[in-house]
Amino acid sequence: MEAGQRDLGSASVVHLESLLNIHLLPLLGSRRMNTFDHKVVEGFLQTMERNGVGLAAQANAFDKLKAILLDTNRLGLFA
């Protein structure tokens, strides 16, 4: 994905919605941004492992969570 690109292909949108709805939001959706730290992220990964989520899905979910947290930091919304 090129810098500044905002339009996703339909397959990418489906994949992103799946990551959000199945993995990220159920475990982290009610958490306030200022409560995130390494322990929260580690707990997120451990919960996915306990729930039998495959390694590829874990990696994809972690990568998306990392991207979200880095973007909020870059935008000055979260330290």
PDB file of N, CA and C in Angstrom:
ATOM      1  N   MET A   1       0.848  -1.179   0.000  1.00  0.00           N
ATOM      2  CA  MET A   1       0.000   0.000   0.000  1.00  0.00           C
ATOM      3  C   MET A   1       0.890   1.237   0.000  1.00  0.00           C
ATOM      4  N   GLU A   2       0.625   2.130  -0.877  1.00  0.00           N
ATOM      5  CA  GLU A   2       1.435   3.341  -0.979  1.00  0.00           C
ATOM      6  C   GLU A   2       1.069   4.326   0.128  1.00  0.00           C
ATOM      7  N   ALA A   3       2.029   5.153   0.507  1.00  0.00           N
ATOM      8  CA  ALA A   3       1.783   6.171   1.517  1.00  0.00           C
ATOM      9  C   ALA A   3       0.658   7.080   1.060  1.00  0.00           C
ATOM     10  N   GLY A   4      -0.292   7.326   1.925  1.00  0.00           N
ATOM     11  CA  GLY A   4      -1.401   8.209   1.612  1.00  0.00           C
ATOM     12  C   GLY A   4      -2.540   7.536   0.885  1.00  0.00           C
ATOM     13  N   GLN A   5      -2.385   6.261   0.539  1.00  0.00           N
ATOM     14  CA  GLN A   5      -3.464   5.561  -0.156  1.00  0.00           C
ATOM     15  C   GLN A   5      -4.570   5.235   0.836  1.00  0.00           C
ATOM     16  N   ARG A   6      -5.790   5.586   0.502  1.00  0.00           N
ATOM     17  CA  ARG A   6      -6.900   5.368   1.420  1.00  0.00           C
ATOM     18  C   ARG A   6      -7.940   4.403   0.874  1.00  0.00           C
ATOM     19  N   ASP A   7      -7.984   4.196  -0.422  1.00  0.00           N
ATOM     20  CA  ASP A   7      -8.975   3.305  -1.004  1.00  0.00           C
ATOM     21  C   ASP A   7      -8.461   1.875  -0.982  1.00  0.00           C
ATOM     22  N   LEU A   8      -9.290   0.979  -0.467  1.00  0.00           N
ATOM     23  CA  LEU A   8      -8.942  -0.429  -0.422  1.00  0.00           C
ATOM     24  C   LEU A   8      -9.776  -1.183  -1.440  1.00  0.00           C
ATOM     25  N   GLY A   9      -9.203  -2.221  -1.991  1.00  0.00           N
ATOM     26  CA  GLY A   9      -9.971  -3.092  -2.862  1.00  0.00           C
ATOM     27  C   GLY A   9     -11.008  -3.836  -2.053  1.00  0.00           C
ATOM     28  N   SER A  10     -11.996  -4.395  -2.728  1.00  0.00           N
ATOM     29  CA  SER A  10     -13.092  -5.059  -2.013  1.00  0.00           C
ATOM     30  C   SER A  10     -12.599  -6.236  -1.184  1.00  0.00           C
ATOM     31  N   ALA A  11     -11.640  -6.995  -1.683  1.00  0.00           N
ATOM     32  CA  ALA A  11     -11.111  -8.122  -0.909  1.00  0.00           C
ATOM     33  C   ALA A  11     -10.396  -7.624   0.345  1.00  0.00           C
ATOM     34  N   SER A  12      -9.694  -6.504   0.229  1.00  0.00           N
ATOM     35  CA  SER A  12      -9.001  -5.939   1.389  1.00  0.00           C
ATOM     36  C   SER A  12      -9.991  -5.441   2.428  1.00  0.00           C
ATOM     37  N   VAL A  13     -11.091  -4.865   1.978  1.00  0.00           N
ATOM     38  CA  VAL A  13     -12.127  -4.389   2.901  1.00  0.00           C
ATOM     39  C   VAL A  13     -12.733  -5.559   3.654  1.00  0.00           C
ATOM     40  N   VAL A  14     -13.028  -6.643   2.949  1.00  0.00           N
ATOM     41  CA  VAL A  14     -13.595  -7.839   3.597  1.00  0.00           C
ATOM     42  C   VAL A  14     -12.615  -8.379   4.629  1.00  0.00           C
ATOM     43  N   HIS A  15     -11.338  -8.443   4.270  1.00  0.00           N
ATOM     44  CA  HIS A  15     -10.313  -8.942   5.191  1.00  0.00           C
ATOM     45  C   HIS A  15     -10.208  -8.042   6.423  1.00  0.00           C
ATOM     46  N   LEU A  16     -10.177  -6.734   6.221  1.00  0.00           N
ATOM     47  CA  LEU A  16     -10.089  -5.794   7.336  1.00  0.00           C
ATOM     48  C   LEU A  16     -11.312  -5.892   8.240  1.00  0.00           C
ATOM     49  N   GLU A  17     -12.497  -5.944   7.658  1.00  0.00           N
ATOM     50  CA  GLU A  17     -13.716  -6.067   8.460  1.00  0.00           C
ATOM     51  C   GLU A  17     -13.710  -7.357   9.271  1.00  0.00           C
ATOM     52  N   SER A  18     -13.210  -8.427   8.685  1.00  0.00           N
ATOM     53  CA  SER A  18     -13.121  -9.695   9.392  1.00  0.00           C
ATOM     54  C   SER A  18     -12.184  -9.584  10.592  1.00  0.00           C
ATOM     55  N   LEU A  19     -11.001  -9.009  10.383  1.00  0.00           N
ATOM     56  CA  LEU A  19     -10.057  -8.829  11.493  1.00  0.00           C
ATOM     57  C   LEU A  19     -10.674  -7.996  12.611  1.00  0.00           C
ATOM     58  N   LEU A  20     -11.326  -6.907  12.220  1.00  0.00           N
ATOM     59  CA  LEU A  20     -11.929  -6.030  13.224  1.00  0.00           C
ATOM     60  C   LEU A  20     -13.060  -6.725  13.973  1.00  0.00           C
ATOM     61  N   ASN A  21     -13.990  -7.314  13.239  1.00  0.00           N
ATOM     62  CA  ASN A  21     -15.198  -7.877  13.848  1.00  0.00           C
ATOM     63  C   ASN A  21     -14.973  -9.191  14.582  1.00  0.00           C
ATOM     64  N   ILE A  22     -14.025  -9.989  14.131  1.00  0.00           N
ATOM     65  CA  ILE A  22     -13.811 -11.301  14.742  1.00  0.00           C
ATOM     66  C   ILE A  22     -12.749 -11.261  15.836  1.00  0.00           C
ATOM     67  N   HIS A  23     -11.687 -10.495  15.622  1.00  0.00           N
ATOM     68  CA  HIS A  23     -10.560 -10.554  16.554  1.00  0.00           C
ATOM     69  C   HIS A  23     -10.366  -9.298  17.388  1.00  0.00           C
ATOM     70  N   LEU A  24     -10.340  -8.141  16.775  1.00  0.00           N
ATOM     71  CA  LEU A  24      -9.963  -6.933  17.509  1.00  0.00           C
ATOM     72  C   LEU A  24     -11.089  -6.378  18.376  1.00  0.00           C
ATOM     73  N   LEU A  25     -12.236  -6.127  17.786  1.00  0.00           N
ATOM     74  CA  LEU A  25     -13.306  -5.465  18.536  1.00  0.00           C
ATOM     75  C   LEU A  25     -13.853  -6.296  19.700  1.00  0.00           C
ATOM     76  N   PRO A  26     -14.065  -7.613  19.540  1.00  0.00           N
ATOM     77  CA  PRO A  26     -14.573  -8.363  20.700  1.00  0.00           C
ATOM     78  C   PRO A  26     -13.640  -8.332  21.909  1.00  0.00           C
ATOM     79  N   LEU A  27     -12.341  -8.310  21.669  1.00  0.00           N
ATOM     80  CA  LEU A  27     -11.393  -8.338  22.782  1.00  0.00           C
ATOM     81  C   LEU A  27     -10.954  -6.966  23.242  1.00  0.00           C
ATOM     82  N   LEU A  28     -10.970  -5.984  22.346  1.00  0.00           N
ATOM     83  CA  LEU A  28     -10.393  -4.681  22.678  1.00  0.00           C
ATOM     84  C   LEU A  28     -11.335  -3.512  22.440  1.00  0.00           C
ATOM     85  N   GLY A  29     -12.500  -3.751  21.884  1.00  0.00           N
ATOM     86  CA  GLY A  29     -13.383  -2.673  21.460  1.00  0.00           C
ATOM     87  C   GLY A  29     -13.855  -1.744  22.562  1.00  0.00           C
ATOM     88  N   SER A  30     -13.970  -2.242  23.776  1.00  0.00           N
ATOM     89  CA  SER A  30     -14.452  -1.393  24.868  1.00  0.00           C
ATOM     90  C   SER A  30     -13.299  -0.718  25.631  1.00  0.00           C
ATOM     91  N   ARG A  31     -12.065  -1.026  25.259  1.00  0.00           N
ATOM     92  CA  ARG A  31     -10.904  -0.490  25.969  1.00  0.00           C
ATOM     93  C   ARG A  31     -10.609   0.941  25.517  1.00  0.00           C
ATOM     94  N   ARG A  32     -10.344   1.802  26.469  1.00  0.00           N
ATOM     95  CA  ARG A  32      -9.970   3.187  26.160  1.00  0.00           C
ATOM     96  C   ARG A  32      -8.526   3.212  25.677  1.00  0.00           C
ATOM     97  N   MET A  33      -8.255   4.076  24.715  1.00  0.00           N
ATOM     98  CA  MET A  33      -6.926   4.144  24.114  1.00  0.00           C
ATOM     99  C   MET A  33      -5.832   4.397  25.146  1.00  0.00           C
ATOM    100  N   ASN A  34      -6.111   5.207  26.139  1.00  0.00           N
ATOM    101  CA  ASN A  34      -5.053   5.548  27.102  1.00  0.00           C
ATOM    102  C   ASN A  34      -4.746   4.409  28.077  1.00  0.00           C
ATOM    103  N   THR A  35      -5.411   3.269  27.933  1.00  0.00           N
ATOM    104  CA  THR A  35      -5.124   2.122  28.790  1.00  0.00           C
ATOM    105  C   THR A  35      -4.269   1.070  28.090  1.00  0.00           C
ATOM    106  N   PHE A  36      -3.894   1.305  26.834  1.00  0.00           N
ATOM    107  CA  PHE A  36      -3.082   0.335  26.103  1.00  0.00           C
ATOM    108  C   PHE A  36      -1.639   0.394  26.574  1.00  0.00           C
ATOM    109  N   ASP A  37      -1.076  -0.774  26.806  1.00  0.00           N
ATOM    110  CA  ASP A  37       0.347  -0.913  27.064  1.00  0.00           C
ATOM    111  C   ASP A  37       0.755  -2.307  26.594  1.00  0.00           C
ATOM    112  N   HIS A  38       2.009  -2.676  26.827  1.00  0.00           N
ATOM    113  CA  HIS A  38       2.489  -3.970  26.336  1.00  0.00           C
ATOM    114  C   HIS A  38       1.746  -5.139  26.972  1.00  0.00           C
ATOM    115  N   LYS A  39       1.275  -4.971  28.209  1.00  0.00           N
ATOM    116  CA  LYS A  39       0.541  -6.046  28.882  1.00  0.00           C
ATOM    117  C   LYS A  39      -0.806  -6.300  28.206  1.00  0.00           C
ATOM    118  N   VAL A  40      -1.464  -5.250  27.755  1.00  0.00           N
ATOM    119  CA  VAL A  40      -2.744  -5.387  27.064  1.00  0.00           C
ATOM    120  C   VAL A  40      -2.540  -6.128  25.745  1.00  0.00           C
ATOM    121  N   VAL A  41      -1.506  -5.747  25.023  1.00  0.00           N
ATOM    122  CA  VAL A  41      -1.226  -6.394  23.740  1.00  0.00           C
ATOM    123  C   VAL A  41      -0.851  -7.851  23.956  1.00  0.00           C
ATOM    124  N   GLU A  42      -0.038  -8.139  24.951  1.00  0.00           N
ATOM    125  CA  GLU A  42       0.337  -9.519  25.257  1.00  0.00           C
ATOM    126  C   GLU A  42      -0.895 -10.332  25.659  1.00  0.00           C
ATOM    127  N   GLY A  43      -1.778  -9.754  26.462  1.00  0.00           N
ATOM    128  CA  GLY A  43      -3.016 -10.433  26.834  1.00  0.00           C
ATOM    129  C   GLY A  43      -3.899 -10.713  25.633  1.00  0.00           C
ATOM    130  N   PHE A  44      -3.947  -9.778  24.698  1.00  0.00           N
ATOM    131  CA  PHE A  44      -4.694  -9.950  23.460  1.00  0.00           C
ATOM    132  C   PHE A  44      -4.164 -11.164  22.690  1.00  0.00           C
ATOM    133  N   LEU A  45      -2.852 -11.254  22.562  1.00  0.00           N
ATOM    134  CA  LEU A  45      -2.248 -12.374  21.842  1.00  0.00           C
ATOM    135  C   LEU A  45      -2.477 -13.695  22.570  1.00  0.00           C
ATOM    136  N   GLN A  46      -2.348 -13.686  23.881  1.00  0.00           N
ATOM    137  CA  GLN A  46      -2.566 -14.906  24.656  1.00  0.00           C
ATOM    138  C   GLN A  46      -4.008 -15.379  24.551  1.00  0.00           C
ATOM    139  N   THR A  47      -4.955 -14.457  24.546  1.00  0.00           N
ATOM    140  CA  THR A  47      -6.363 -14.824  24.408  1.00  0.00           C
ATOM    141  C   THR A  47      -6.624 -15.455  23.045  1.00  0.00           C
ATOM    142  N   MET A  48      -6.026 -14.891  22.002  1.00  0.00           N
ATOM    143  CA  MET A  48      -6.199 -15.492  20.679  1.00  0.00           C
ATOM    144  C   MET A  48      -5.616 -16.899  20.656  1.00  0.00           C
ATOM    145  N   GLU A  49      -4.467 -17.101  21.285  1.00  0.00           N
ATOM    146  CA  GLU A  49      -3.863 -18.439  21.360  1.00  0.00           C
ATOM    147  C   GLU A  49      -4.791 -19.407  22.090  1.00  0.00           C
ATOM    148  N   ARG A  50      -5.311 -18.981  23.250  1.00  0.00           N
ATOM    149  CA  ARG A  50      -6.232 -19.830  24.024  1.00  0.00           C
ATOM    150  C   ARG A  50      -7.483 -20.177  23.240  1.00  0.00           C
ATOM    151  N   ASN A  51      -7.930 -19.239  22.400  1.00  0.00           N
ATOM    152  CA  ASN A  51      -9.143 -19.458  21.611  1.00  0.00           C
ATOM    153  C   ASN A  51      -8.878 -20.275  20.352  1.00  0.00           C
ATOM    154  N   GLY A  52      -7.643 -20.713  20.159  1.00  0.00           N
ATOM    155  CA  GLY A  52      -7.320 -21.567  19.026  1.00  0.00           C
ATOM    156  C   GLY A  52      -7.207 -20.841  17.695  1.00  0.00           C
ATOM    157  N   VAL A  53      -6.978 -19.536  17.750  1.00  0.00           N
ATOM    158  CA  VAL A  53      -6.821 -18.762  16.522  1.00  0.00           C
ATOM    159  C   VAL A  53      -5.491 -19.161  15.873  1.00  0.00           C
ATOM    160  N   GLY A  54      -5.521 -19.412  14.586  1.00  0.00           N
ATOM    161  CA  GLY A  54      -4.315 -19.820  13.864  1.00  0.00           C
ATOM    162  C   GLY A  54      -3.247 -18.744  13.871  1.00  0.00           C
ATOM    163  N   LEU A  55      -2.017 -19.180  13.632  1.00  0.00           N
ATOM    164  CA  LEU A  55      -0.881 -18.254  13.685  1.00  0.00           C
ATOM    165  C   LEU A  55      -0.987 -17.149  12.646  1.00  0.00           C
ATOM    166  N   ALA A  56      -1.450 -17.471  11.453  1.00  0.00           N
ATOM    167  CA  ALA A  56      -1.572 -16.442  10.408  1.00  0.00           C
ATOM    168  C   ALA A  56      -2.589 -15.385  10.823  1.00  0.00           C
ATOM    169  N   ALA A  57      -3.719 -15.808  11.368  1.00  0.00           N
ATOM    170  CA  ALA A  57      -4.743 -14.852  11.812  1.00  0.00           C
ATOM    171  C   ALA A  57      -4.229 -14.034  12.987  1.00  0.00           C
ATOM    172  N   GLN A  58      -3.471 -14.664  13.897  1.00  0.00           N
ATOM    173  CA  GLN A  58      -2.878 -13.925  15.009  1.00  0.00           C
ATOM    174  C   GLN A  58      -1.932 -12.850  14.490  1.00  0.00           C
ATOM    175  N   ALA A  59      -1.093 -13.216  13.537  1.00  0.00           N
ATOM    176  CA  ALA A  59      -0.134 -12.260  12.979  1.00  0.00           C
ATOM    177  C   ALA A  59      -0.860 -11.116  12.278  1.00  0.00           C
ATOM    178  N   ASN A  60      -1.898 -11.433  11.518  1.00  0.00           N
ATOM    179  CA  ASN A  60      -2.660 -10.388  10.823  1.00  0.00           C
ATOM    180  C   ASN A  60      -3.331  -9.448  11.813  1.00  0.00           C
ATOM    181  N   ALA A  61      -3.937 -10.014  12.863  1.00  0.00           N
ATOM    182  CA  ALA A  61      -4.614  -9.192  13.863  1.00  0.00           C
ATOM    183  C   ALA A  61      -3.603  -8.319  14.601  1.00  0.00           C
ATOM    184  N   PHE A  62      -2.457  -8.893  14.964  1.00  0.00           N
ATOM    185  CA  PHE A  62      -1.418  -8.116  15.641  1.00  0.00           C
ATOM    186  C   PHE A  62      -0.912  -6.994  14.744  1.00  0.00           C
ATOM    187  N   ASP A  63      -0.669  -7.307  13.475  1.00  0.00           N
ATOM    188  CA  ASP A  63      -0.189  -6.274  12.543  1.00  0.00           C
ATOM    189  C   ASP A  63      -1.191  -5.131  12.418  1.00  0.00           C
ATOM    190  N   LYS A  64      -2.483  -5.454  12.364  1.00  0.00           N
ATOM    191  CA  LYS A  64      -3.498  -4.404  12.241  1.00  0.00           C
ATOM    192  C   LYS A  64      -3.569  -3.596  13.530  1.00  0.00           C
ATOM    193  N   LEU A  65      -3.532  -4.254  14.688  1.00  0.00           N
ATOM    194  CA  LEU A  65      -3.535  -3.541  15.964  1.00  0.00           C
ATOM    195  C   LEU A  65      -2.319  -2.626  16.055  1.00  0.00           C
ATOM    196  N   LYS A  66      -1.154  -3.126  15.680  1.00  0.00           N
ATOM    197  CA  LYS A  66       0.066  -2.319  15.697  1.00  0.00           C
ATOM    198  C   LYS A  66      -0.082  -1.099  14.794  1.00  0.00           C
ATOM    199  N   ALA A  67      -0.630  -1.296  13.609  1.00  0.00           N
ATOM    200  CA  ALA A  67      -0.818  -0.178  12.675  1.00  0.00           C
ATOM    201  C   ALA A  67      -1.760   0.870  13.257  1.00  0.00           C
ATOM    202  N   ILE A  68      -2.819   0.415  13.899  1.00  0.00           N
ATOM    203  CA  ILE A  68      -3.783   1.339  14.503  1.00  0.00           C
ATOM    204  C   ILE A  68      -3.112   2.139  15.615  1.00  0.00           C
ATOM    205  N   LEU A  69      -2.382   1.456  16.491  1.00  0.00           N
ATOM    206  CA  LEU A  69      -1.723   2.146  17.604  1.00  0.00           C
ATOM    207  C   LEU A  69      -0.640   3.098  17.110  1.00  0.00           C
ATOM    208  N   LEU A  70       0.131   2.681  16.109  1.00  0.00           N
ATOM    209  CA  LEU A  70       1.162   3.572  15.562  1.00  0.00           C
ATOM    210  C   LEU A  70       0.537   4.799  14.897  1.00  0.00           C
ATOM    211  N   ASP A  71      -0.580   4.601  14.188  1.00  0.00           N
ATOM    212  CA  ASP A  71      -1.253   5.742  13.559  1.00  0.00           C
ATOM    213  C   ASP A  71      -1.787   6.720  14.593  1.00  0.00           C
ATOM    214  N   THR A  72      -2.364   6.208  15.672  1.00  0.00           N
ATOM    215  CA  THR A  72      -2.875   7.118  16.702  1.00  0.00           C
ATOM    216  C   THR A  72      -1.740   7.903  17.339  1.00  0.00           C
ATOM    217  N   ASN A  73      -0.598   7.245  17.496  1.00  0.00           N
ATOM    218  CA  ASN A  73       0.574   7.938  18.042  1.00  0.00           C
ATOM    219  C   ASN A  73       1.089   8.974  17.055  1.00  0.00           C
ATOM    220  N   ARG A  74       1.220   8.603  15.803  1.00  0.00           N
ATOM    221  CA  ARG A  74       1.711   9.532  14.763  1.00  0.00           C
ATOM    222  C   ARG A  74       0.822  10.753  14.633  1.00  0.00           C
ATOM    223  N   LEU A  75      -0.497  10.553  14.797  1.00  0.00           N
ATOM    224  CA  LEU A  75      -1.437  11.656  14.682  1.00  0.00           C
ATOM    225  C   LEU A  75      -1.547  12.486  15.968  1.00  0.00           C
ATOM    226  N   GLY A  76      -0.813  12.048  17.010  1.00  0.00           N
ATOM    227  CA  GLY A  76      -0.831  12.790  18.264  1.00  0.00           C
ATOM    228  C   GLY A  76      -2.051  12.504  19.117  1.00  0.00           C
ATOM    229  N   LEU A  77      -2.787  11.445  18.803  1.00  0.00           N
ATOM    230  CA  LEU A  77      -3.996  11.123  19.554  1.00  0.00           C
ATOM    231  C   LEU A  77      -3.694  10.272  20.779  1.00  0.00           C
ATOM    232  N   PHE A  78      -2.530   9.641  20.780  1.00  0.00           N
ATOM    233  CA  PHE A  78      -2.177   8.703  21.833  1.00  0.00           C
ATOM    234  C   PHE A  78      -0.662   8.657  21.934  1.00  0.00           C
ATOM    235  N   ALA A  79      -0.153   8.792  23.148  1.00  0.00           N
ATOM    236  CA  ALA A  79       1.306   8.787  23.328  1.00  0.00           C
ATOM    237  C   ALA A  79       1.846   7.371  23.350  1.00  0.00           C
TER     238      ALA A  79
END
